[in-house]
Structure formats: C-alpha cells, structure tokens
Amino acid sequence: AEAERRGAAVLAGVTACRDAHAKLRLVVFALEALGGDDDDCGPVTADVLLPRTVACVAEARVPHLHAELAYVEAFARDDFLGVEGYALTTFRCALDVALCDEAPRPVRMTSLRRIESDGG
C-alpha cells in the first residue's frame, strides 16, 4: 500500500509537466516508486507491478490521464524501448484495467470457431 501511495504522489504531478519528455520522466519515476519492496512480498515482478500500478492510477486520480499518456506517446519519441517504453505501456494497461467495468471474460474456442466460419 505504501508503494502505491508513493507512485500516486509522483503520478499526480504529470499535469504540471509542460513537455512530453518531462511527462515521460515522471511516468518512469512513478513506476520506479511502485517497484520498491513492500510488505515483504518478495521480488517485484510484472505480476506484482501491474496490480500496484492499477491501484496507483486509481489513487492518483489524474484528470484525463489517457490524454496525458497519449501526448507522451505522440510527442516524446518515435521509439519507446527500455524502461521508458515499459513504464508507458504499464501505465496505459493499468489505466485500461482501472477503467474497465468488469473483469475480462475468457474467450471460448467455440466463439473463435464461429468467427472463423463467418469469415471474420
């Protein structure tokens, strides 16, 4: 819970950043704040980091976070490799999960076969 609060405090500053590079650096710093070991849960893997990032996004309550992240993606760089790309992708995924009304449903093979037979 402490890691999520640290990350949310950092992420909340994204609206104050005036250029895409500053926003991207802040997103990286927020993800780094979430990576700190908390509650002796062991190493921080993607399985731990994504739920923390979802909680961070929910707690930060950044207005128009989708637009902030889209701005970064459009104007920061053409290639998002390494830690910057990982941070941006993780926050975009977390935002999608946080905004989702219900848990994703598994796709059934019968549904896929029906789509294939319909030519879709």
N, C-alpha and C. Protein backbone atom coordinates (compact mmCIF):
# COMPACT_ATOMS: atom_id res chain seq x y z
N ALA A 1 0.82 -1.20 0.00
CA ALA A 1 0.00 0.00 0.00
C ALA A 1 0.86 1.26 0.00
N GLU A 2 1.99 1.19 0.68
CA GLU A 2 2.88 2.34 0.71
C GLU A 2 3.46 2.64 -0.67
N ALA A 3 3.81 1.60 -1.41
CA ALA A 3 4.36 1.80 -2.75
C ALA A 3 3.33 2.48 -3.66
N GLU A 4 2.06 2.08 -3.54
CA GLU A 4 1.01 2.70 -4.36
C GLU A 4 0.84 4.17 -4.02
N ARG A 5 0.93 4.50 -2.74
CA ARG A 5 0.82 5.91 -2.33
C ARG A 5 2.00 6.73 -2.87
N ARG A 6 3.20 6.16 -2.80
CA ARG A 6 4.37 6.87 -3.34
C ARG A 6 4.21 7.09 -4.84
N GLY A 7 3.80 6.04 -5.56
CA GLY A 7 3.61 6.15 -7.00
C GLY A 7 2.53 7.15 -7.36
N ALA A 8 1.44 7.14 -6.61
CA ALA A 8 0.34 8.06 -6.88
C ALA A 8 0.76 9.51 -6.64
N ALA A 9 1.56 9.73 -5.61
CA ALA A 9 2.03 11.09 -5.33
C ALA A 9 2.90 11.59 -6.47
N VAL A 10 3.72 10.73 -7.04
CA VAL A 10 4.56 11.12 -8.17
C VAL A 10 3.69 11.33 -9.41
N LEU A 11 2.82 10.37 -9.71
CA LEU A 11 1.99 10.43 -10.92
C LEU A 11 1.09 11.66 -10.93
N ALA A 12 0.64 12.09 -9.77
CA ALA A 12 -0.26 13.25 -9.70
C ALA A 12 0.38 14.51 -10.28
N GLY A 13 1.70 14.55 -10.36
CA GLY A 13 2.38 15.72 -10.90
C GLY A 13 2.46 15.77 -12.40
N VAL A 14 1.92 14.76 -13.09
CA VAL A 14 2.06 14.71 -14.55
C VAL A 14 1.38 15.89 -15.25
N THR A 15 0.32 16.40 -14.68
CA THR A 15 -0.38 17.52 -15.32
C THR A 15 0.41 18.82 -15.22
N ALA A 16 1.32 18.91 -14.26
CA ALA A 16 2.13 20.11 -14.11
C ALA A 16 3.30 20.14 -15.08
N CYS A 17 3.66 19.01 -15.63
CA CYS A 17 4.77 18.95 -16.60
C CYS A 17 4.32 19.60 -17.91
N ARG A 18 5.19 20.38 -18.50
CA ARG A 18 4.81 21.14 -19.68
C ARG A 18 5.23 20.52 -21.00
N ASP A 19 6.12 19.53 -20.99
CA ASP A 19 6.51 18.93 -22.26
C ASP A 19 6.49 17.40 -22.13
N ALA A 20 6.47 16.75 -23.27
CA ALA A 20 6.31 15.30 -23.31
C ALA A 20 7.45 14.57 -22.62
N HIS A 21 8.66 15.07 -22.75
CA HIS A 21 9.80 14.41 -22.13
C HIS A 21 9.72 14.47 -20.61
N ALA A 22 9.28 15.59 -20.08
CA ALA A 22 9.13 15.73 -18.63
C ALA A 22 8.03 14.79 -18.13
N LYS A 23 6.93 14.70 -18.88
CA LYS A 23 5.85 13.79 -18.50
C LYS A 23 6.34 12.34 -18.52
N LEU A 24 7.13 11.98 -19.54
CA LEU A 24 7.65 10.63 -19.64
C LEU A 24 8.59 10.31 -18.48
N ARG A 25 9.47 11.24 -18.13
CA ARG A 25 10.35 11.03 -16.98
C ARG A 25 9.55 10.81 -15.71
N LEU A 26 8.49 11.57 -15.55
CA LEU A 26 7.65 11.43 -14.36
C LEU A 26 6.96 10.08 -14.33
N VAL A 27 6.49 9.59 -15.47
CA VAL A 27 5.87 8.26 -15.54
C VAL A 27 6.89 7.19 -15.13
N VAL A 28 8.12 7.34 -15.59
CA VAL A 28 9.19 6.40 -15.20
C VAL A 28 9.43 6.48 -13.69
N PHE A 29 9.51 7.68 -13.14
CA PHE A 29 9.73 7.83 -11.70
C PHE A 29 8.58 7.21 -10.90
N ALA A 30 7.35 7.37 -11.39
CA ALA A 30 6.20 6.78 -10.70
C ALA A 30 6.30 5.26 -10.69
N LEU A 31 6.69 4.69 -11.83
CA LEU A 31 6.84 3.23 -11.89
C LEU A 31 7.97 2.77 -10.97
N GLU A 32 9.05 3.51 -10.92
CA GLU A 32 10.14 3.17 -10.01
C GLU A 32 9.69 3.22 -8.56
N ALA A 33 8.84 4.19 -8.22
CA ALA A 33 8.31 4.28 -6.85
C ALA A 33 7.45 3.06 -6.52
N LEU A 34 6.77 2.52 -7.52
CA LEU A 34 5.93 1.33 -7.30
C LEU A 34 6.77 0.07 -7.16
N GLY A 35 7.98 0.10 -7.66
CA GLY A 35 8.83 -1.09 -7.64
C GLY A 35 9.49 -1.36 -6.32
N GLY A 36 9.42 -0.43 -5.39
CA GLY A 36 10.05 -0.65 -4.09
C GLY A 36 9.40 -1.80 -3.35
N ASP A 37 10.22 -2.62 -2.69
CA ASP A 37 9.67 -3.74 -1.93
C ASP A 37 8.78 -3.24 -0.81
N ASP A 38 7.69 -3.91 -0.64
CA ASP A 38 6.64 -3.51 0.28
C ASP A 38 6.10 -4.78 0.94
N ASP A 39 5.89 -4.77 2.20
CA ASP A 39 5.23 -5.89 2.90
C ASP A 39 5.94 -7.22 2.70
N ASP A 40 7.23 -7.21 2.43
CA ASP A 40 8.00 -8.45 2.26
C ASP A 40 7.34 -9.44 1.32
N CYS A 41 6.84 -8.94 0.18
CA CYS A 41 6.17 -9.83 -0.78
C CYS A 41 7.15 -10.47 -1.74
N GLY A 42 8.44 -10.25 -1.54
CA GLY A 42 9.43 -10.84 -2.43
C GLY A 42 9.76 -9.92 -3.57
N PRO A 43 10.39 -10.47 -4.61
CA PRO A 43 10.78 -9.63 -5.74
C PRO A 43 9.56 -9.05 -6.45
N VAL A 44 9.74 -7.86 -6.97
CA VAL A 44 8.65 -7.19 -7.68
C VAL A 44 8.70 -7.63 -9.14
N THR A 45 7.75 -8.47 -9.50
CA THR A 45 7.61 -8.95 -10.87
C THR A 45 6.46 -8.22 -11.54
N ALA A 46 6.25 -8.49 -12.81
CA ALA A 46 5.12 -7.89 -13.52
C ALA A 46 3.79 -8.29 -12.88
N ASP A 47 3.74 -9.50 -12.31
CA ASP A 47 2.51 -9.95 -11.63
C ASP A 47 2.21 -9.10 -10.40
N VAL A 48 3.22 -8.55 -9.79
CA VAL A 48 3.04 -7.67 -8.63
C VAL A 48 2.89 -6.22 -9.09
N LEU A 49 3.66 -5.85 -10.10
CA LEU A 49 3.71 -4.46 -10.53
C LEU A 49 2.42 -3.97 -11.18
N LEU A 50 1.78 -4.77 -12.00
CA LEU A 50 0.56 -4.30 -12.67
C LEU A 50 -0.56 -4.00 -11.68
N PRO A 51 -0.87 -4.88 -10.72
CA PRO A 51 -1.91 -4.51 -9.74
C PRO A 51 -1.53 -3.27 -8.93
N ARG A 52 -0.26 -3.12 -8.61
CA ARG A 52 0.17 -1.91 -7.91
C ARG A 52 -0.06 -0.68 -8.77
N THR A 53 0.21 -0.80 -10.06
CA THR A 53 0.04 0.33 -10.97
C THR A 53 -1.43 0.68 -11.12
N VAL A 54 -2.30 -0.33 -11.16
CA VAL A 54 -3.74 -0.08 -11.21
C VAL A 54 -4.18 0.69 -9.97
N ALA A 55 -3.71 0.25 -8.80
CA ALA A 55 -4.05 0.94 -7.55
C ALA A 55 -3.49 2.36 -7.54
N CYS A 56 -2.30 2.53 -8.08
CA CYS A 56 -1.68 3.86 -8.18
C CYS A 56 -2.51 4.80 -9.05
N VAL A 57 -2.94 4.31 -10.20
CA VAL A 57 -3.76 5.11 -11.12
C VAL A 57 -5.06 5.50 -10.44
N ALA A 58 -5.68 4.56 -9.75
CA ALA A 58 -6.95 4.84 -9.07
C ALA A 58 -6.76 5.87 -7.95
N GLU A 59 -5.67 5.75 -7.22
CA GLU A 59 -5.43 6.67 -6.11
C GLU A 59 -5.01 8.06 -6.58
N ALA A 60 -4.23 8.13 -7.65
CA ALA A 60 -3.73 9.42 -8.13
C ALA A 60 -4.84 10.30 -8.68
N ARG A 61 -5.83 9.69 -9.31
CA ARG A 61 -6.98 10.43 -9.87
C ARG A 61 -6.54 11.59 -10.76
N VAL A 62 -5.64 11.29 -11.67
CA VAL A 62 -5.15 12.32 -12.60
C VAL A 62 -6.24 12.57 -13.63
N PRO A 63 -6.70 13.82 -13.75
CA PRO A 63 -7.71 14.10 -14.77
C PRO A 63 -7.14 13.87 -16.17
N HIS A 64 -7.91 13.20 -16.99
CA HIS A 64 -7.55 12.98 -18.40
C HIS A 64 -6.20 12.26 -18.56
N LEU A 65 -5.98 11.24 -17.73
CA LEU A 65 -4.71 10.51 -17.79
C LEU A 65 -4.51 9.86 -19.16
N HIS A 66 -5.60 9.40 -19.79
CA HIS A 66 -5.48 8.85 -21.14
C HIS A 66 -4.85 9.89 -22.09
N ALA A 67 -5.31 11.12 -22.00
CA ALA A 67 -4.79 12.18 -22.87
C ALA A 67 -3.34 12.50 -22.53
N GLU A 68 -3.00 12.49 -21.25
CA GLU A 68 -1.61 12.75 -20.85
C GLU A 68 -0.67 11.69 -21.44
N LEU A 69 -1.07 10.41 -21.33
CA LEU A 69 -0.24 9.33 -21.85
C LEU A 69 -0.19 9.35 -23.37
N ALA A 70 -1.30 9.68 -24.01
CA ALA A 70 -1.31 9.78 -25.47
C ALA A 70 -0.40 10.92 -25.95
N TYR A 71 -0.38 12.01 -25.21
CA TYR A 71 0.50 13.13 -25.54
C TYR A 71 1.96 12.70 -25.48
N VAL A 72 2.30 11.96 -24.43
CA VAL A 72 3.67 11.45 -24.29
C VAL A 72 4.00 10.55 -25.47
N GLU A 73 3.10 9.65 -25.78
CA GLU A 73 3.34 8.70 -26.86
C GLU A 73 3.50 9.41 -28.21
N ALA A 74 2.74 10.47 -28.42
CA ALA A 74 2.78 11.17 -29.70
C ALA A 74 4.00 12.07 -29.85
N PHE A 75 4.45 12.68 -28.77
CA PHE A 75 5.45 13.73 -28.91
C PHE A 75 6.80 13.48 -28.24
N ALA A 76 6.91 12.45 -27.43
CA ALA A 76 8.18 12.24 -26.73
C ALA A 76 9.24 11.66 -27.65
N ARG A 77 8.93 10.57 -28.31
CA ARG A 77 9.90 9.89 -29.18
C ARG A 77 9.16 8.99 -30.14
N ASP A 78 9.90 8.53 -31.12
CA ASP A 78 9.33 7.56 -32.04
C ASP A 78 9.50 6.14 -31.53
N ASP A 79 10.55 5.89 -30.77
CA ASP A 79 10.79 4.54 -30.27
C ASP A 79 10.71 4.53 -28.75
N PHE A 80 9.90 3.63 -28.24
CA PHE A 80 9.74 3.50 -26.80
C PHE A 80 10.31 2.17 -26.37
N LEU A 81 11.62 2.14 -26.27
CA LEU A 81 12.30 0.93 -25.84
C LEU A 81 12.79 1.11 -24.41
N GLY A 82 13.12 0.02 -23.78
CA GLY A 82 13.70 0.10 -22.45
C GLY A 82 12.72 0.51 -21.39
N VAL A 83 13.24 1.14 -20.36
CA VAL A 83 12.43 1.47 -19.19
C VAL A 83 11.32 2.46 -19.52
N GLU A 84 11.57 3.39 -20.43
CA GLU A 84 10.55 4.37 -20.78
C GLU A 84 9.35 3.71 -21.45
N GLY A 85 9.62 2.83 -22.40
CA GLY A 85 8.54 2.11 -23.07
C GLY A 85 7.80 1.19 -22.13
N TYR A 86 8.54 0.54 -21.24
CA TYR A 86 7.91 -0.35 -20.27
C TYR A 86 7.01 0.43 -19.33
N ALA A 87 7.49 1.58 -18.86
CA ALA A 87 6.69 2.40 -17.94
C ALA A 87 5.43 2.91 -18.62
N LEU A 88 5.56 3.43 -19.84
CA LEU A 88 4.40 3.95 -20.56
C LEU A 88 3.38 2.84 -20.82
N THR A 89 3.85 1.69 -21.27
CA THR A 89 2.95 0.57 -21.55
C THR A 89 2.26 0.07 -20.28
N THR A 90 3.00 -0.01 -19.20
CA THR A 90 2.43 -0.47 -17.93
C THR A 90 1.34 0.47 -17.45
N PHE A 91 1.58 1.77 -17.54
CA PHE A 91 0.55 2.72 -17.10
C PHE A 91 -0.65 2.73 -18.03
N ARG A 92 -0.44 2.57 -19.33
CA ARG A 92 -1.59 2.50 -20.25
C ARG A 92 -2.43 1.27 -19.96
N CYS A 93 -1.79 0.14 -19.73
CA CYS A 93 -2.53 -1.09 -19.38
C CYS A 93 -3.27 -0.93 -18.06
N ALA A 94 -2.59 -0.36 -17.08
CA ALA A 94 -3.21 -0.16 -15.76
C ALA A 94 -4.42 0.76 -15.85
N LEU A 95 -4.31 1.79 -16.66
CA LEU A 95 -5.44 2.70 -16.84
C LEU A 95 -6.61 1.98 -17.49
N ASP A 96 -6.34 1.16 -18.48
CA ASP A 96 -7.41 0.38 -19.12
C ASP A 96 -8.09 -0.54 -18.11
N VAL A 97 -7.31 -1.19 -17.26
CA VAL A 97 -7.87 -2.08 -16.25
C VAL A 97 -8.68 -1.28 -15.24
N ALA A 98 -8.16 -0.15 -14.81
CA ALA A 98 -8.84 0.67 -13.81
C ALA A 98 -10.18 1.20 -14.34
N LEU A 99 -10.26 1.44 -15.63
CA LEU A 99 -11.49 1.98 -16.21
C LEU A 99 -12.48 0.90 -16.63
N CYS A 100 -12.05 -0.34 -16.61
CA CYS A 100 -12.89 -1.45 -17.05
C CYS A 100 -14.01 -1.69 -16.02
N ASP A 101 -15.23 -1.86 -16.50
CA ASP A 101 -16.36 -2.06 -15.60
C ASP A 101 -16.39 -3.44 -14.96
N GLU A 102 -15.88 -4.41 -15.66
CA GLU A 102 -15.91 -5.77 -15.14
C GLU A 102 -14.65 -6.50 -15.58
N ALA A 103 -14.39 -7.60 -14.91
CA ALA A 103 -13.21 -8.39 -15.23
C ALA A 103 -13.32 -8.93 -16.65
N PRO A 104 -12.20 -9.02 -17.33
CA PRO A 104 -12.26 -9.57 -18.70
C PRO A 104 -12.73 -11.02 -18.69
N ARG A 105 -13.50 -11.35 -19.69
CA ARG A 105 -14.02 -12.72 -19.80
C ARG A 105 -13.12 -13.51 -20.73
N PRO A 106 -12.87 -14.76 -20.40
CA PRO A 106 -12.05 -15.57 -21.30
C PRO A 106 -12.79 -15.82 -22.61
N VAL A 107 -12.04 -15.90 -23.69
CA VAL A 107 -12.61 -16.18 -25.00
C VAL A 107 -12.76 -17.69 -25.13
N ARG A 108 -13.93 -18.12 -25.51
CA ARG A 108 -14.16 -19.55 -25.70
C ARG A 108 -13.79 -19.96 -27.11
N MET A 109 -13.26 -21.16 -27.23
CA MET A 109 -12.86 -21.65 -28.55
C MET A 109 -14.06 -21.73 -29.50
N THR A 110 -15.25 -22.02 -28.98
CA THR A 110 -16.42 -22.08 -29.86
C THR A 110 -16.71 -20.71 -30.47
N SER A 111 -16.45 -19.65 -29.71
CA SER A 111 -16.65 -18.30 -30.24
C SER A 111 -15.67 -18.03 -31.37
N LEU A 112 -14.42 -18.47 -31.21
CA LEU A 112 -13.43 -18.26 -32.25
C LEU A 112 -13.78 -19.05 -33.51
N ARG A 113 -14.25 -20.27 -33.33
CA ARG A 113 -14.61 -21.08 -34.50
C ARG A 113 -15.77 -20.45 -35.25
N ARG A 114 -16.72 -19.89 -34.54
CA ARG A 114 -17.87 -19.25 -35.17
C ARG A 114 -17.41 -18.03 -35.97
N ILE A 115 -16.47 -17.26 -35.42
CA ILE A 115 -15.95 -16.09 -36.13
C ILE A 115 -15.21 -16.51 -37.38
N GLU A 116 -14.41 -17.56 -37.27
CA GLU A 116 -13.67 -18.05 -38.43
C GLU A 116 -14.61 -18.56 -39.52
N SER A 117 -15.68 -19.26 -39.13
CA SER A 117 -16.59 -19.81 -40.15
C SER A 117 -17.43 -18.70 -40.80
N ASP A 118 -17.61 -17.58 -40.08
CA ASP A 118 -18.35 -16.46 -40.65
C ASP A 118 -17.46 -15.60 -41.54
N GLY A 119 -16.15 -15.91 -41.56
CA GLY A 119 -15.23 -15.14 -42.40
C GLY A 119 -14.70 -13.91 -41.71
N GLY A 120 -14.91 -13.77 -40.38
CA GLY A 120 -14.47 -12.58 -39.67
C GLY A 120 -13.14 -12.67 -39.10
